[in-house]
Structure formats: C-alpha cells, structure tokens
C-alpha cells in the first residue's frame, strides 16, 4: 500500500511541514480512521 500521496506545486519546506504535522498527530489520525471504519460497518 502506498502511504504517500502526491502533492503538486508544494515546496520541499511545506512538504516537510505537512509530514511533521501528520507524524505529530498520527495517533489521533489513526483513532479517527478506526472510528470511521467502525461506522461504515454498522
């Protein structure tokens, strides 16, 4: 599975900032994804 999305016309600096935000909030993102998946199964 490819975990990297394609970002067009974004500077390398901004890409690093985006990755850092995702990394810093990964647990929250994961929890929300799990909740989303649970709701789909109902």
PDB file of N, CA and C in Angstrom:
ATOM      1  N   UNK A   1       0.849  -1.180   0.000  1.00  0.00           N
ATOM      2  CA  UNK A   1       0.000   0.000   0.000  1.00  0.00           C
ATOM      3  C   UNK A   1       0.892   1.240   0.000  1.00  0.00           C
ATOM      4  N   UNK A   2       0.571   2.179  -0.850  1.00  0.00           N
ATOM      5  CA  UNK A   2       1.328   3.421  -0.926  1.00  0.00           C
ATOM      6  C   UNK A   2       0.766   4.398   0.100  1.00  0.00           C
ATOM      7  N   UNK A   3       1.595   4.785   1.059  1.00  0.00           N
ATOM      8  CA  UNK A   3       1.136   5.679   2.123  1.00  0.00           C
ATOM      9  C   UNK A   3       1.471   7.129   1.847  1.00  0.00           C
ATOM     10  N   UNK A   4       2.038   7.386   0.670  1.00  0.00           N
ATOM     11  CA  UNK A   4       2.423   8.753   0.346  1.00  0.00           C
ATOM     12  C   UNK A   4       1.494   9.270  -0.735  1.00  0.00           C
ATOM     13  N   UNK A   5       0.922  10.418  -0.509  1.00  0.00           N
ATOM     14  CA  UNK A   5       0.058  10.999  -1.521  1.00  0.00           C
ATOM     15  C   UNK A   5       0.861  11.969  -2.377  1.00  0.00           C
ATOM     16  N   UNK A   6       0.374  12.207  -3.557  1.00  0.00           N
ATOM     17  CA  UNK A   6       1.062  13.099  -4.483  1.00  0.00           C
ATOM     18  C   UNK A   6       0.634  14.527  -4.195  1.00  0.00           C
ATOM     19  N   UNK A   7       1.614  15.380  -3.980  1.00  0.00           N
ATOM     20  CA  UNK A   7       1.340  16.786  -3.700  1.00  0.00           C
ATOM     21  C   UNK A   7       2.005  17.600  -4.800  1.00  0.00           C
ATOM     22  N   UNK A   8       1.203  18.324  -5.549  1.00  0.00           N
ATOM     23  CA  UNK A   8       1.720  19.112  -6.663  1.00  0.00           C
ATOM     24  C   UNK A   8       1.948  20.557  -6.249  1.00  0.00           C
ATOM     25  N   UNK A   9       3.003  21.116  -6.795  1.00  0.00           N
ATOM     26  CA  UNK A   9       3.310  22.534  -6.610  1.00  0.00           C
ATOM     27  C   UNK A   9       3.414  22.938  -5.147  1.00  0.00           C
ATOM     28  N   UNK A  10       4.026  22.078  -4.354  1.00  0.00           N
ATOM     29  CA  UNK A  10       4.259  22.379  -2.948  1.00  0.00           C
ATOM     30  C   UNK A  10       5.768  22.347  -2.743  1.00  0.00           C
ATOM     31  N   UNK A  11       6.274  23.344  -2.079  1.00  0.00           N
ATOM     32  CA  UNK A  11       7.718  23.437  -1.871  1.00  0.00           C
ATOM     33  C   UNK A  11       8.198  22.311  -0.950  1.00  0.00           C
ATOM     34  N   UNK A  12       9.465  21.939  -1.056  1.00  0.00           N
ATOM     35  CA  UNK A  12      10.010  20.912  -0.152  1.00  0.00           C
ATOM     36  C   UNK A  12       9.832  21.288   1.324  1.00  0.00           C
ATOM     37  N   UNK A  13       9.970  22.563   1.624  1.00  0.00           N
ATOM     38  CA  UNK A  13       9.784  23.011   3.011  1.00  0.00           C
ATOM     39  C   UNK A  13       8.361  22.716   3.488  1.00  0.00           C
ATOM     40  N   UNK A  14       7.376  23.009   2.660  1.00  0.00           N
ATOM     41  CA  UNK A  14       5.986  22.765   3.039  1.00  0.00           C
ATOM     42  C   UNK A  14       5.687  21.268   3.128  1.00  0.00           C
ATOM     43  N   UNK A  15       6.292  20.490   2.238  1.00  0.00           N
ATOM     44  CA  UNK A  15       6.115  19.034   2.326  1.00  0.00           C
ATOM     45  C   UNK A  15       6.635  18.512   3.659  1.00  0.00           C
ATOM     46  N   UNK A  16       7.786  19.009   4.087  1.00  0.00           N
ATOM     47  CA  UNK A  16       8.337  18.591   5.383  1.00  0.00           C
ATOM     48  C   UNK A  16       7.395  18.986   6.518  1.00  0.00           C
ATOM     49  N   UNK A  17       6.825  20.189   6.429  1.00  0.00           N
ATOM     50  CA  UNK A  17       5.899  20.641   7.470  1.00  0.00           C
ATOM     51  C   UNK A  17       4.658  19.750   7.509  1.00  0.00           C
ATOM     52  N   UNK A  18       4.159  19.382   6.353  1.00  0.00           N
ATOM     53  CA  UNK A  18       2.978  18.503   6.289  1.00  0.00           C
ATOM     54  C   UNK A  18       3.305  17.150   6.915  1.00  0.00           C
ATOM     55  N   UNK A  19       4.455  16.581   6.549  1.00  0.00           N
ATOM     56  CA  UNK A  19       4.856  15.293   7.129  1.00  0.00           C
ATOM     57  C   UNK A  19       4.986  15.388   8.640  1.00  0.00           C
ATOM     58  N   UNK A  20       5.537  16.478   9.124  1.00  0.00           N
ATOM     59  CA  UNK A  20       5.703  16.651  10.576  1.00  0.00           C
ATOM     60  C   UNK A  20       4.349  16.727  11.275  1.00  0.00           C
ATOM     61  N   UNK A  21       3.419  17.454  10.702  1.00  0.00           N
ATOM     62  CA  UNK A  21       2.075  17.550  11.291  1.00  0.00           C
ATOM     63  C   UNK A  21       1.444  16.165  11.364  1.00  0.00           C
ATOM     64  N   UNK A  22       1.530  15.410  10.275  1.00  0.00           N
ATOM     65  CA  UNK A  22       0.959  14.058  10.265  1.00  0.00           C
ATOM     66  C   UNK A  22       1.650  13.183  11.304  1.00  0.00           C
ATOM     67  N   UNK A  23       2.964  13.242  11.341  1.00  0.00           N
ATOM     68  CA  UNK A  23       3.721  12.437  12.301  1.00  0.00           C
ATOM     69  C   UNK A  23       3.355  12.805  13.735  1.00  0.00           C
ATOM     70  N   UNK A  24       3.290  14.102  14.019  1.00  0.00           N
ATOM     71  CA  UNK A  24       2.988  14.561  15.380  1.00  0.00           C
ATOM     72  C   UNK A  24       1.578  14.178  15.829  1.00  0.00           C
ATOM     73  N   UNK A  25       0.664  14.003  14.884  1.00  0.00           N
ATOM     74  CA  UNK A  25      -0.734  13.721  15.219  1.00  0.00           C
ATOM     75  C   UNK A  25      -1.184  12.342  14.744  1.00  0.00           C
ATOM     76  N   UNK A  26      -0.228  11.462  14.510  1.00  0.00           N
ATOM     77  CA  UNK A  26      -0.554  10.173  13.924  1.00  0.00           C
ATOM     78  C   UNK A  26      -1.534   9.363  14.766  1.00  0.00           C
ATOM     79  N   UNK A  27      -1.352   9.333  16.059  1.00  0.00           N
ATOM     80  CA  UNK A  27      -2.256   8.546  16.909  1.00  0.00           C
ATOM     81  C   UNK A  27      -3.692   9.048  16.808  1.00  0.00           C
ATOM     82  N   UNK A  28      -3.866  10.344  16.797  1.00  0.00           N
ATOM     83  CA  UNK A  28      -5.211  10.911  16.656  1.00  0.00           C
ATOM     84  C   UNK A  28      -5.810  10.540  15.298  1.00  0.00           C
ATOM     85  N   UNK A  29      -5.015  10.669  14.255  1.00  0.00           N
ATOM     86  CA  UNK A  29      -5.483  10.322  12.903  1.00  0.00           C
ATOM     87  C   UNK A  29      -5.887   8.853  12.854  1.00  0.00           C
ATOM     88  N   UNK A  30      -5.078   8.007  13.453  1.00  0.00           N
ATOM     89  CA  UNK A  30      -5.373   6.576  13.480  1.00  0.00           C
ATOM     90  C   UNK A  30      -6.677   6.280  14.235  1.00  0.00           C
ATOM     91  N   UNK A  31      -6.870   6.917  15.367  1.00  0.00           N
ATOM     92  CA  UNK A  31      -8.103   6.730  16.145  1.00  0.00           C
ATOM     93  C   UNK A  31      -9.331   7.168  15.340  1.00  0.00           C
ATOM     94  N   UNK A  32      -9.218   8.289  14.676  1.00  0.00           N
ATOM     95  CA  UNK A  32     -10.339   8.784  13.887  1.00  0.00           C
ATOM     96  C   UNK A  32     -10.631   7.868  12.703  1.00  0.00           C
ATOM     97  N   UNK A  33      -9.583   7.339  12.098  1.00  0.00           N
ATOM     98  CA  UNK A  33      -9.762   6.403  10.990  1.00  0.00           C
ATOM     99  C   UNK A  33     -10.471   5.142  11.471  1.00  0.00           C
ATOM    100  N   UNK A  34     -10.058   4.628  12.620  1.00  0.00           N
ATOM    101  CA  UNK A  34     -10.708   3.441  13.189  1.00  0.00           C
ATOM    102  C   UNK A  34     -12.180   3.711  13.462  1.00  0.00           C
ATOM    103  N   UNK A  35     -12.471   4.868  14.011  1.00  0.00           N
ATOM    104  CA  UNK A  35     -13.874   5.224  14.274  1.00  0.00           C
ATOM    105  C   UNK A  35     -14.671   5.312  12.970  1.00  0.00           C
ATOM    106  N   UNK A  36     -14.092   5.897  11.977  1.00  0.00           N
ATOM    107  CA  UNK A  36     -14.727   5.986  10.666  1.00  0.00           C
ATOM    108  C   UNK A  36     -15.034   4.593  10.117  1.00  0.00           C
ATOM    109  N   UNK A  37     -14.068   3.687  10.209  1.00  0.00           N
ATOM    110  CA  UNK A  37     -14.263   2.327   9.723  1.00  0.00           C
ATOM    111  C   UNK A  37     -15.355   1.596  10.505  1.00  0.00           C
ATOM    112  N   UNK A  38     -15.401   1.801  11.805  1.00  0.00           N
ATOM    113  CA  UNK A  38     -16.456   1.178  12.630  1.00  0.00           C
ATOM    114  C   UNK A  38     -17.839   1.654  12.187  1.00  0.00           C
ATOM    115  N   UNK A  39     -17.950   2.938  11.917  1.00  0.00           N
ATOM    116  CA  UNK A  39     -19.253   3.481  11.496  1.00  0.00           C
ATOM    117  C   UNK A  39     -19.681   2.941  10.135  1.00  0.00           C
ATOM    118  N   UNK A  40     -18.728   2.682   9.274  1.00  0.00           N
ATOM    119  CA  UNK A  40     -19.059   2.115   7.965  1.00  0.00           C
ATOM    120  C   UNK A  40     -19.605   0.712   8.090  1.00  0.00           C
ATOM    121  N   UNK A  41     -19.167  -0.011   9.076  1.00  0.00           N
ATOM    122  CA  UNK A  41     -19.567  -1.412   9.244  1.00  0.00           C
ATOM    123  C   UNK A  41     -20.945  -1.552   9.869  1.00  0.00           C
ATOM    124  N   UNK A  42     -21.488  -0.496  10.404  1.00  0.00           N
ATOM    125  CA  UNK A  42     -22.823  -0.569  11.034  1.00  0.00           C
ATOM    126  C   UNK A  42     -23.912  -0.632  10.012  1.00  0.00           C
TER     127      UNK A  42
END
